[in-house]
Amino acid sequence: MDAKEYFSNVNGKGFLATANAQGEINIAIYSRPQVQKDGSFVFGMTDRLTHTNLQENANAVYAFAEERGFGGRRFYLHKTKEETSGPLLDEIRAMTDKYVHPGAGKLVKFIVHFRVDRELPLICEKCSGNHTQHLCEIAGSERFDLIKELAKKPDFMCMNCGRMADNRASLCNPMAMEDIPASH
């Protein structure tokens, strides 16, 4: 997937999860990354817990939840370098002032670069078949007439998102209704 194109065309919210050397986890709301030509991600950071954790543990996960439906992506990241000055820092500070709050940009102290090691869907790690034909993806594009057609007499339930459909091919992780344990 072309991450630069993806983030240019999708609205939603992002979260960056980090952990310190002892494995204590932190998660924070983060804007979409600046995607570089080589596919690496860059984030502006304040001098807070996320940045502190990255000094001890270079691994992080950026999760992006799309505005509609259950779509989104998870990016497994590894910090490669950090900057405390330069035109990219100035650009991110200006964007922070514009989109967060005037004056908030001065809190951005670091530009942190990440290599993307792995990318997965937000909720469908177990996905069989053609994902573009699955109800979770169709719901994100607001094709509700098609959803109604595919779920008239549902015999299957997706064990990822709970959607139901007539045919298992319309779901990422289908299970026949009669096989679903009572605890679900």
N, C-alpha and C. Protein backbone atom coordinates (compact mmCIF):
# COMPACT_ATOMS: atom_id res chain seq x y z
N MET A 1 0.84 -1.18 0.00
CA MET A 1 0.00 0.00 0.00
C MET A 1 0.88 1.24 0.00
N ASP A 2 0.48 2.24 -0.74
CA ASP A 2 1.18 3.52 -0.77
C ASP A 2 0.64 4.36 0.39
N ALA A 3 1.42 4.46 1.46
CA ALA A 3 0.97 5.16 2.68
C ALA A 3 0.73 6.65 2.43
N LYS A 4 1.54 7.26 1.61
CA LYS A 4 1.36 8.69 1.32
C LYS A 4 -0.01 8.93 0.68
N GLU A 5 -0.36 8.10 -0.30
CA GLU A 5 -1.65 8.21 -0.97
C GLU A 5 -2.79 7.89 0.01
N TYR A 6 -2.61 6.85 0.81
CA TYR A 6 -3.63 6.47 1.79
C TYR A 6 -3.97 7.63 2.72
N PHE A 7 -2.96 8.22 3.35
CA PHE A 7 -3.21 9.30 4.30
C PHE A 7 -3.71 10.57 3.63
N SER A 8 -3.49 10.73 2.33
CA SER A 8 -4.00 11.88 1.60
C SER A 8 -5.49 11.76 1.31
N ASN A 9 -6.00 10.52 1.31
CA ASN A 9 -7.37 10.28 0.87
C ASN A 9 -8.33 9.81 1.95
N VAL A 10 -7.86 9.62 3.18
CA VAL A 10 -8.69 9.05 4.23
C VAL A 10 -8.68 9.96 5.46
N ASN A 11 -9.86 10.16 6.03
CA ASN A 11 -9.96 10.92 7.27
C ASN A 11 -10.06 9.94 8.44
N GLY A 12 -9.59 10.37 9.60
CA GLY A 12 -9.67 9.52 10.78
C GLY A 12 -8.80 10.06 11.89
N LYS A 13 -8.52 9.19 12.87
CA LYS A 13 -7.70 9.55 14.03
C LYS A 13 -6.56 8.56 14.17
N GLY A 14 -5.41 9.07 14.60
CA GLY A 14 -4.23 8.23 14.77
C GLY A 14 -3.80 8.15 16.22
N PHE A 15 -3.20 7.01 16.55
CA PHE A 15 -2.71 6.75 17.90
C PHE A 15 -1.32 6.12 17.80
N LEU A 16 -0.39 6.62 18.61
CA LEU A 16 0.96 6.08 18.62
C LEU A 16 1.20 5.42 19.97
N ALA A 17 1.52 4.12 19.91
CA ALA A 17 1.79 3.35 21.13
C ALA A 17 3.28 3.09 21.24
N THR A 18 3.82 3.32 22.43
CA THR A 18 5.23 3.08 22.72
C THR A 18 5.33 2.36 24.06
N ALA A 19 6.51 1.84 24.35
CA ALA A 19 6.76 1.21 25.64
C ALA A 19 8.18 1.54 26.07
N ASN A 20 8.39 1.62 27.37
CA ASN A 20 9.75 1.87 27.87
C ASN A 20 10.51 0.55 27.94
N ALA A 21 11.71 0.58 28.47
CA ALA A 21 12.55 -0.63 28.55
C ALA A 21 11.94 -1.70 29.44
N GLN A 22 11.10 -1.32 30.39
CA GLN A 22 10.45 -2.28 31.28
C GLN A 22 9.14 -2.83 30.69
N GLY A 23 8.76 -2.34 29.52
CA GLY A 23 7.54 -2.81 28.87
C GLY A 23 6.29 -2.08 29.29
N GLU A 24 6.41 -0.99 30.04
CA GLU A 24 5.25 -0.19 30.43
C GLU A 24 4.78 0.61 29.21
N ILE A 25 3.53 0.43 28.86
CA ILE A 25 2.99 0.94 27.60
C ILE A 25 2.34 2.30 27.76
N ASN A 26 2.47 3.11 26.74
CA ASN A 26 1.80 4.40 26.65
C ASN A 26 1.16 4.48 25.26
N ILE A 27 0.01 5.13 25.19
CA ILE A 27 -0.61 5.40 23.89
C ILE A 27 -1.07 6.86 23.89
N ALA A 28 -0.87 7.52 22.77
CA ALA A 28 -1.22 8.94 22.66
C ALA A 28 -1.84 9.21 21.29
N ILE A 29 -2.73 10.17 21.24
CA ILE A 29 -3.30 10.60 19.96
C ILE A 29 -2.21 11.31 19.18
N TYR A 30 -2.06 10.92 17.92
CA TYR A 30 -1.06 11.53 17.05
C TYR A 30 -1.67 11.81 15.69
N SER A 31 -1.25 12.91 15.09
CA SER A 31 -1.71 13.23 13.74
C SER A 31 -1.14 12.20 12.76
N ARG A 32 -1.64 12.24 11.56
CA ARG A 32 -1.09 11.33 10.54
C ARG A 32 0.38 11.66 10.32
N PRO A 33 1.16 10.67 9.94
CA PRO A 33 2.60 10.91 9.75
C PRO A 33 2.90 11.69 8.49
N GLN A 34 4.06 12.30 8.47
CA GLN A 34 4.61 12.83 7.23
C GLN A 34 5.28 11.63 6.56
N VAL A 35 4.77 11.18 5.43
CA VAL A 35 5.33 10.01 4.76
C VAL A 35 6.41 10.50 3.79
N GLN A 36 7.61 9.97 3.94
CA GLN A 36 8.74 10.37 3.13
C GLN A 36 8.78 9.56 1.82
N LYS A 37 9.62 9.99 0.88
CA LYS A 37 9.71 9.32 -0.43
C LYS A 37 10.06 7.85 -0.31
N ASP A 38 10.86 7.50 0.69
CA ASP A 38 11.26 6.10 0.87
C ASP A 38 10.23 5.28 1.65
N GLY A 39 9.08 5.90 1.99
CA GLY A 39 8.02 5.21 2.73
C GLY A 39 8.16 5.30 4.23
N SER A 40 9.23 5.90 4.72
CA SER A 40 9.39 6.04 6.17
C SER A 40 8.41 7.10 6.70
N PHE A 41 8.14 7.03 8.00
CA PHE A 41 7.23 7.95 8.66
C PHE A 41 8.02 8.94 9.51
N VAL A 42 7.51 10.16 9.58
CA VAL A 42 8.09 11.20 10.44
C VAL A 42 6.97 11.80 11.27
N PHE A 43 7.23 11.95 12.56
CA PHE A 43 6.29 12.59 13.48
C PHE A 43 7.01 13.71 14.22
N GLY A 44 6.29 14.82 14.46
CA GLY A 44 6.77 15.83 15.38
C GLY A 44 6.36 15.40 16.79
N MET A 45 7.24 15.62 17.76
CA MET A 45 6.95 15.20 19.14
C MET A 45 7.30 16.26 20.15
N THR A 46 6.50 16.27 21.20
CA THR A 46 6.79 17.11 22.35
C THR A 46 7.71 16.32 23.29
N ASP A 47 8.17 16.97 24.33
CA ASP A 47 9.06 16.32 25.30
C ASP A 47 8.22 15.68 26.39
N ARG A 48 7.53 14.58 26.02
CA ARG A 48 6.61 13.90 26.94
C ARG A 48 6.90 12.40 26.93
N LEU A 49 5.97 11.62 27.45
CA LEU A 49 6.20 10.20 27.67
C LEU A 49 6.49 9.42 26.38
N THR A 50 5.79 9.71 25.29
CA THR A 50 6.05 9.00 24.03
C THR A 50 7.50 9.15 23.63
N HIS A 51 8.00 10.37 23.65
CA HIS A 51 9.39 10.62 23.28
C HIS A 51 10.35 9.96 24.27
N THR A 52 10.05 10.03 25.55
CA THR A 52 10.90 9.41 26.57
C THR A 52 10.99 7.90 26.34
N ASN A 53 9.84 7.27 26.07
CA ASN A 53 9.85 5.82 25.82
C ASN A 53 10.73 5.46 24.63
N LEU A 54 10.70 6.27 23.59
CA LEU A 54 11.48 5.98 22.39
C LEU A 54 12.99 6.11 22.62
N GLN A 55 13.39 6.76 23.70
CA GLN A 55 14.81 6.81 24.04
C GLN A 55 15.28 5.46 24.60
N GLU A 56 14.35 4.70 25.18
CA GLU A 56 14.66 3.39 25.78
C GLU A 56 14.31 2.22 24.87
N ASN A 57 13.30 2.38 24.03
CA ASN A 57 12.79 1.30 23.20
C ASN A 57 12.39 1.92 21.86
N ALA A 58 13.10 1.55 20.80
CA ALA A 58 12.91 2.19 19.49
C ALA A 58 11.69 1.70 18.73
N ASN A 59 10.93 0.75 19.28
CA ASN A 59 9.77 0.19 18.59
C ASN A 59 8.48 0.89 19.00
N ALA A 60 7.58 1.01 18.03
CA ALA A 60 6.28 1.67 18.28
C ALA A 60 5.25 1.09 17.31
N VAL A 61 3.98 1.35 17.60
CA VAL A 61 2.89 0.99 16.68
C VAL A 61 2.04 2.24 16.48
N TYR A 62 1.79 2.57 15.21
CA TYR A 62 0.88 3.66 14.88
C TYR A 62 -0.39 3.04 14.33
N ALA A 63 -1.52 3.31 14.99
CA ALA A 63 -2.81 2.80 14.55
C ALA A 63 -3.63 3.98 14.03
N PHE A 64 -4.23 3.80 12.87
CA PHE A 64 -5.05 4.85 12.27
C PHE A 64 -6.45 4.29 12.07
N ALA A 65 -7.43 4.87 12.76
CA ALA A 65 -8.83 4.45 12.65
C ALA A 65 -9.54 5.39 11.69
N GLU A 66 -10.07 4.83 10.62
CA GLU A 66 -10.78 5.63 9.63
C GLU A 66 -12.06 6.19 10.22
N GLU A 67 -12.47 7.33 9.71
CA GLU A 67 -13.61 8.08 10.22
C GLU A 67 -14.91 7.27 10.17
N ARG A 68 -15.07 6.45 9.14
CA ARG A 68 -16.32 5.69 8.97
C ARG A 68 -16.01 4.20 8.98
N GLY A 69 -16.94 3.46 9.53
CA GLY A 69 -16.79 2.01 9.54
C GLY A 69 -15.68 1.55 10.45
N PHE A 70 -15.15 0.39 10.17
CA PHE A 70 -14.10 -0.21 10.99
C PHE A 70 -12.78 -0.29 10.25
N GLY A 71 -12.64 0.49 9.19
CA GLY A 71 -11.40 0.47 8.42
C GLY A 71 -10.28 1.19 9.15
N GLY A 72 -9.10 0.90 8.70
CA GLY A 72 -7.92 1.53 9.27
C GLY A 72 -6.71 0.65 9.07
N ARG A 73 -5.58 1.13 9.55
CA ARG A 73 -4.31 0.42 9.37
C ARG A 73 -3.51 0.47 10.66
N ARG A 74 -2.67 -0.55 10.84
CA ARG A 74 -1.68 -0.58 11.93
C ARG A 74 -0.30 -0.64 11.29
N PHE A 75 0.59 0.22 11.72
CA PHE A 75 1.94 0.26 11.20
C PHE A 75 2.92 -0.02 12.35
N TYR A 76 3.72 -1.06 12.19
CA TYR A 76 4.73 -1.41 13.19
C TYR A 76 6.01 -0.68 12.80
N LEU A 77 6.50 0.14 13.71
CA LEU A 77 7.57 1.09 13.40
C LEU A 77 8.83 0.83 14.22
N HIS A 78 9.96 1.30 13.67
CA HIS A 78 11.24 1.28 14.39
C HIS A 78 11.91 2.63 14.18
N LYS A 79 12.22 3.29 15.28
CA LYS A 79 12.86 4.61 15.22
C LYS A 79 14.25 4.49 14.60
N THR A 80 14.52 5.36 13.61
CA THR A 80 15.82 5.33 12.94
C THR A 80 16.67 6.56 13.24
N LYS A 81 16.04 7.70 13.48
CA LYS A 81 16.81 8.90 13.82
C LYS A 81 15.89 9.96 14.39
N GLU A 82 16.51 11.01 14.89
CA GLU A 82 15.79 12.11 15.52
C GLU A 82 16.50 13.42 15.19
N GLU A 83 15.70 14.49 15.03
CA GLU A 83 16.27 15.82 14.75
C GLU A 83 15.67 16.83 15.72
N THR A 84 16.43 17.87 16.00
CA THR A 84 15.94 18.93 16.88
C THR A 84 15.94 20.29 16.19
N SER A 85 16.20 20.29 14.87
CA SER A 85 16.15 21.54 14.12
C SER A 85 16.00 21.20 12.63
N GLY A 86 15.72 22.25 11.85
CA GLY A 86 15.66 22.07 10.41
C GLY A 86 14.30 22.44 9.83
N PRO A 87 14.23 22.45 8.49
CA PRO A 87 13.00 22.88 7.81
C PRO A 87 11.80 21.97 8.08
N LEU A 88 12.03 20.67 8.26
CA LEU A 88 10.92 19.76 8.52
C LEU A 88 10.30 20.06 9.89
N LEU A 89 11.13 20.36 10.87
CA LEU A 89 10.62 20.74 12.19
C LEU A 89 9.81 22.03 12.08
N ASP A 90 10.31 23.00 11.33
CA ASP A 90 9.58 24.26 11.13
C ASP A 90 8.23 24.01 10.46
N GLU A 91 8.21 23.12 9.46
CA GLU A 91 6.98 22.81 8.74
C GLU A 91 5.96 22.16 9.69
N ILE A 92 6.40 21.20 10.48
CA ILE A 92 5.49 20.51 11.40
C ILE A 92 5.00 21.45 12.49
N ARG A 93 5.85 22.34 12.97
CA ARG A 93 5.41 23.33 13.96
C ARG A 93 4.32 24.24 13.37
N ALA A 94 4.50 24.67 12.13
CA ALA A 94 3.50 25.53 11.47
C ALA A 94 2.17 24.78 11.30
N MET A 95 2.24 23.51 10.92
CA MET A 95 1.01 22.72 10.77
C MET A 95 0.33 22.51 12.12
N THR A 96 1.11 22.33 13.17
CA THR A 96 0.56 22.17 14.51
C THR A 96 -0.16 23.45 14.94
N ASP A 97 0.44 24.58 14.67
CA ASP A 97 -0.22 25.85 14.97
C ASP A 97 -1.54 25.99 14.22
N LYS A 98 -1.56 25.55 12.97
CA LYS A 98 -2.75 25.69 12.13
C LYS A 98 -3.86 24.72 12.55
N TYR A 99 -3.52 23.45 12.79
CA TYR A 99 -4.55 22.42 12.99
C TYR A 99 -4.86 22.10 14.44
N VAL A 100 -3.92 22.35 15.35
CA VAL A 100 -4.17 22.04 16.76
C VAL A 100 -4.62 23.30 17.50
N HIS A 101 -3.75 24.28 17.54
CA HIS A 101 -4.05 25.53 18.23
C HIS A 101 -2.91 26.50 17.96
N PRO A 102 -3.22 27.76 17.71
CA PRO A 102 -2.14 28.73 17.52
C PRO A 102 -1.21 28.74 18.74
N GLY A 103 0.08 28.59 18.49
CA GLY A 103 1.07 28.56 19.56
C GLY A 103 1.46 27.15 20.00
N ALA A 104 0.66 26.14 19.63
CA ALA A 104 0.96 24.76 20.04
C ALA A 104 2.24 24.24 19.37
N GLY A 105 2.57 24.78 18.22
CA GLY A 105 3.76 24.33 17.49
C GLY A 105 5.05 24.49 18.27
N LYS A 106 5.10 25.50 19.15
CA LYS A 106 6.35 25.71 19.91
C LYS A 106 6.63 24.56 20.87
N LEU A 107 5.62 23.74 21.17
CA LEU A 107 5.82 22.58 22.05
C LEU A 107 6.48 21.41 21.33
N VAL A 108 6.46 21.42 20.00
CA VAL A 108 7.09 20.35 19.22
C VAL A 108 8.60 20.58 19.25
N LYS A 109 9.31 19.67 19.90
CA LYS A 109 10.76 19.81 20.10
C LYS A 109 11.58 18.87 19.22
N PHE A 110 10.95 17.78 18.74
CA PHE A 110 11.70 16.74 18.04
C PHE A 110 10.98 16.31 16.77
N ILE A 111 11.76 15.93 15.79
CA ILE A 111 11.28 15.25 14.60
C ILE A 111 11.85 13.84 14.70
N VAL A 112 10.96 12.85 14.73
CA VAL A 112 11.40 11.46 14.90
C VAL A 112 11.05 10.69 13.63
N HIS A 113 12.05 10.01 13.09
CA HIS A 113 11.92 9.23 11.86
C HIS A 113 11.76 7.75 12.21
N PHE A 114 10.88 7.07 11.47
CA PHE A 114 10.63 5.64 11.69
C PHE A 114 10.68 4.87 10.38
N ARG A 115 11.22 3.70 10.45
CA ARG A 115 11.12 2.72 9.38
C ARG A 115 9.82 1.94 9.63
N VAL A 116 9.07 1.65 8.57
CA VAL A 116 7.86 0.85 8.70
C VAL A 116 8.26 -0.61 8.48
N ASP A 117 8.15 -1.42 9.53
CA ASP A 117 8.54 -2.83 9.45
C ASP A 117 7.40 -3.74 9.01
N ARG A 118 6.17 -3.34 9.32
CA ARG A 118 5.03 -4.20 9.03
C ARG A 118 3.77 -3.35 9.00
N GLU A 119 2.83 -3.75 8.17
CA GLU A 119 1.54 -3.05 8.09
C GLU A 119 0.43 -4.10 8.08
N LEU A 120 -0.61 -3.84 8.88
CA LEU A 120 -1.76 -4.73 8.95
C LEU A 120 -3.04 -3.92 8.96
N PRO A 121 -4.16 -4.54 8.59
CA PRO A 121 -5.45 -3.85 8.77
C PRO A 121 -5.67 -3.56 10.25
N LEU A 122 -6.50 -2.59 10.55
CA LEU A 122 -6.75 -2.23 11.94
C LEU A 122 -7.39 -3.36 12.73
N ILE A 123 -8.41 -4.01 12.17
CA ILE A 123 -9.09 -5.04 12.95
C ILE A 123 -9.09 -6.41 12.31
N CYS A 124 -8.64 -6.56 11.11
CA CYS A 124 -8.80 -7.84 10.41
C CYS A 124 -7.47 -8.53 10.16
N GLU A 125 -6.80 -8.96 11.21
CA GLU A 125 -5.56 -9.70 10.98
C GLU A 125 -5.87 -11.04 10.32
N LYS A 126 -7.00 -11.66 10.72
CA LYS A 126 -7.45 -12.89 10.08
C LYS A 126 -8.47 -12.50 9.02
N CYS A 127 -8.04 -12.49 7.79
CA CYS A 127 -8.94 -12.10 6.71
C CYS A 127 -8.75 -13.07 5.56
N SER A 128 -9.82 -13.75 5.20
CA SER A 128 -9.76 -14.69 4.10
C SER A 128 -10.41 -14.06 2.86
N GLY A 129 -9.92 -14.42 1.72
CA GLY A 129 -10.56 -13.96 0.48
C GLY A 129 -10.21 -12.55 0.08
N ASN A 130 -11.09 -11.97 -0.71
CA ASN A 130 -10.91 -10.63 -1.27
C ASN A 130 -11.51 -9.60 -0.31
N HIS A 131 -10.67 -8.88 0.42
CA HIS A 131 -11.14 -7.95 1.45
C HIS A 131 -12.05 -6.85 0.89
N THR A 132 -11.87 -6.47 -0.37
CA THR A 132 -12.71 -5.41 -0.94
C THR A 132 -14.17 -5.84 -1.04
N GLN A 133 -14.43 -7.15 -0.96
CA GLN A 133 -15.80 -7.66 -1.04
C GLN A 133 -16.39 -7.98 0.34
N HIS A 134 -15.65 -7.68 1.41
CA HIS A 134 -16.12 -7.97 2.77
C HIS A 134 -16.95 -6.81 3.31
N LEU A 135 -17.93 -7.15 4.15
CA LEU A 135 -18.86 -6.14 4.66
C LEU A 135 -18.18 -5.00 5.40
N CYS A 136 -17.10 -5.29 6.14
CA CYS A 136 -16.43 -4.21 6.88
C CYS A 136 -15.87 -3.16 5.92
N GLU A 137 -15.34 -3.59 4.81
CA GLU A 137 -14.80 -2.67 3.82
C GLU A 137 -15.94 -1.95 3.07
N ILE A 138 -16.99 -2.69 2.76
CA ILE A 138 -18.15 -2.11 2.05
C ILE A 138 -18.83 -1.06 2.93
N ALA A 139 -18.92 -1.32 4.24
CA ALA A 139 -19.54 -0.35 5.16
C ALA A 139 -18.75 0.95 5.20
N GLY A 140 -17.42 0.86 5.13
CA GLY A 140 -16.59 2.05 5.13
C GLY A 140 -16.81 2.93 3.92
N SER A 141 -17.29 2.34 2.83
CA SER A 141 -17.58 3.14 1.63
C SER A 141 -19.06 3.49 1.52
N GLU A 142 -19.82 3.20 2.59
CA GLU A 142 -21.23 3.58 2.69
C GLU A 142 -22.10 3.00 1.59
N ARG A 143 -21.82 1.78 1.15
CA ARG A 143 -22.64 1.11 0.14
C ARG A 143 -23.71 0.28 0.85
N PHE A 144 -24.65 0.96 1.49
CA PHE A 144 -25.62 0.31 2.36
C PHE A 144 -26.62 -0.56 1.61
N ASP A 145 -26.96 -0.22 0.39
CA ASP A 145 -27.85 -1.08 -0.39
C ASP A 145 -27.22 -2.44 -0.64
N LEU A 146 -25.91 -2.45 -0.91
CA LEU A 146 -25.20 -3.71 -1.11
C LEU A 146 -25.14 -4.51 0.19
N ILE A 147 -24.94 -3.83 1.31
CA ILE A 147 -24.91 -4.51 2.61
C ILE A 147 -26.26 -5.19 2.87
N LYS A 148 -27.34 -4.49 2.61
CA LYS A 148 -28.68 -5.07 2.79
C LYS A 148 -28.86 -6.31 1.92
N GLU A 149 -28.37 -6.26 0.72
CA GLU A 149 -28.48 -7.39 -0.20
C GLU A 149 -27.67 -8.60 0.29
N LEU A 150 -26.48 -8.34 0.84
CA LEU A 150 -25.59 -9.42 1.29
C LEU A 150 -25.96 -9.99 2.65
N ALA A 151 -26.88 -9.34 3.36
CA ALA A 151 -27.22 -9.78 4.72
C ALA A 151 -28.73 -9.95 4.91
N LYS A 152 -29.42 -10.42 3.88
CA LYS A 152 -30.88 -10.62 3.98
C LYS A 152 -31.24 -11.74 4.95
N LYS A 153 -30.58 -12.88 4.82
CA LYS A 153 -30.82 -14.04 5.69
C LYS A 153 -29.46 -14.58 6.14
N PRO A 154 -28.85 -13.91 7.11
CA PRO A 154 -27.48 -14.26 7.47
C PRO A 154 -27.33 -15.65 8.12
N ASP A 155 -26.36 -16.38 7.61
CA ASP A 155 -26.00 -17.68 8.18
C ASP A 155 -24.60 -17.66 8.79
N PHE A 156 -23.87 -16.54 8.59
CA PHE A 156 -22.49 -16.45 9.06
C PHE A 156 -22.26 -15.13 9.80
N MET A 157 -21.35 -15.18 10.75
CA MET A 157 -20.98 -13.99 11.52
C MET A 157 -19.46 -13.84 11.45
N CYS A 158 -18.98 -12.60 11.29
CA CYS A 158 -17.54 -12.32 11.29
C CYS A 158 -17.06 -12.31 12.73
N MET A 159 -16.06 -13.11 13.04
CA MET A 159 -15.54 -13.18 14.40
C MET A 159 -14.58 -12.03 14.69
N ASN A 160 -14.31 -11.17 13.70
CA ASN A 160 -13.51 -9.97 13.92
C ASN A 160 -14.39 -8.79 14.32
N CYS A 161 -15.46 -8.54 13.54
CA CYS A 161 -16.23 -7.32 13.75
C CYS A 161 -17.69 -7.56 14.14
N GLY A 162 -18.17 -8.82 14.04
CA GLY A 162 -19.54 -9.12 14.44
C GLY A 162 -20.59 -8.91 13.36
N ARG A 163 -20.19 -8.49 12.17
CA ARG A 163 -21.16 -8.34 11.09
C ARG A 163 -21.66 -9.72 10.65
N MET A 164 -22.87 -9.75 10.11
CA MET A 164 -23.46 -11.00 9.65
C MET A 164 -23.78 -10.92 8.17
N ALA A 165 -23.68 -12.08 7.49
CA ALA A 165 -23.92 -12.13 6.05
C ALA A 165 -24.48 -13.49 5.65
N ASP A 166 -25.10 -13.52 4.47
CA ASP A 166 -25.66 -14.75 3.92
C ASP A 166 -24.56 -15.74 3.53
N ASN A 167 -23.43 -15.21 3.07
CA ASN A 167 -22.36 -16.01 2.51
C ASN A 167 -21.06 -15.75 3.25
N ARG A 168 -20.30 -16.79 3.52
CA ARG A 168 -19.02 -16.62 4.23
C ARG A 168 -18.03 -15.76 3.46
N ALA A 169 -18.15 -15.71 2.12
CA ALA A 169 -17.23 -14.93 1.31
C ALA A 169 -17.37 -13.42 1.53
N SER A 170 -18.43 -13.00 2.22
CA SER A 170 -18.65 -11.57 2.49
C SER A 170 -18.04 -11.12 3.80
N LEU A 171 -17.32 -12.01 4.49
CA LEU A 171 -16.77 -11.70 5.82
C LEU A 171 -15.29 -12.05 5.89
N CYS A 172 -14.57 -11.35 6.75
CA CYS A 172 -13.13 -11.57 6.92
C CYS A 172 -12.83 -12.87 7.66
N ASN A 173 -13.53 -13.11 8.75
CA ASN A 173 -13.25 -14.25 9.61
C ASN A 173 -14.59 -14.92 9.94
N PRO A 174 -15.21 -15.58 8.94
CA PRO A 174 -16.58 -16.08 9.11
C PRO A 174 -16.67 -17.33 9.98
N MET A 175 -17.79 -17.43 10.69
CA MET A 175 -18.14 -18.64 11.42
C MET A 175 -19.64 -18.86 11.22
N ALA A 176 -20.01 -20.12 10.96
CA ALA A 176 -21.42 -20.42 10.79
C ALA A 176 -22.15 -20.11 12.09
N MET A 177 -23.36 -19.56 11.98
CA MET A 177 -24.13 -19.14 13.17
C MET A 177 -24.32 -20.31 14.13
N GLU A 178 -24.57 -21.51 13.61
CA GLU A 178 -24.81 -22.65 14.51
C GLU A 178 -23.54 -23.10 15.23
N ASP A 179 -22.36 -22.67 14.78
CA ASP A 179 -21.10 -23.03 15.42
C ASP A 179 -20.62 -22.01 16.44
N ILE A 180 -21.29 -20.87 16.54
CA ILE A 180 -20.86 -19.82 17.46
C ILE A 180 -21.24 -20.23 18.88
N PRO A 181 -20.25 -20.26 19.78
CA PRO A 181 -20.54 -20.63 21.18
C PRO A 181 -21.51 -19.65 21.83
N ALA A 182 -22.27 -20.13 22.77
CA ALA A 182 -23.27 -19.28 23.46
C ALA A 182 -22.63 -18.08 24.13
N SER A 183 -21.38 -18.15 24.52
CA SER A 183 -20.72 -17.02 25.21
C SER A 183 -20.46 -15.85 24.29
N HIS A 184 -20.54 -16.03 22.98
CA HIS A 184 -20.34 -14.93 22.03
C HIS A 184 -21.62 -14.22 21.88
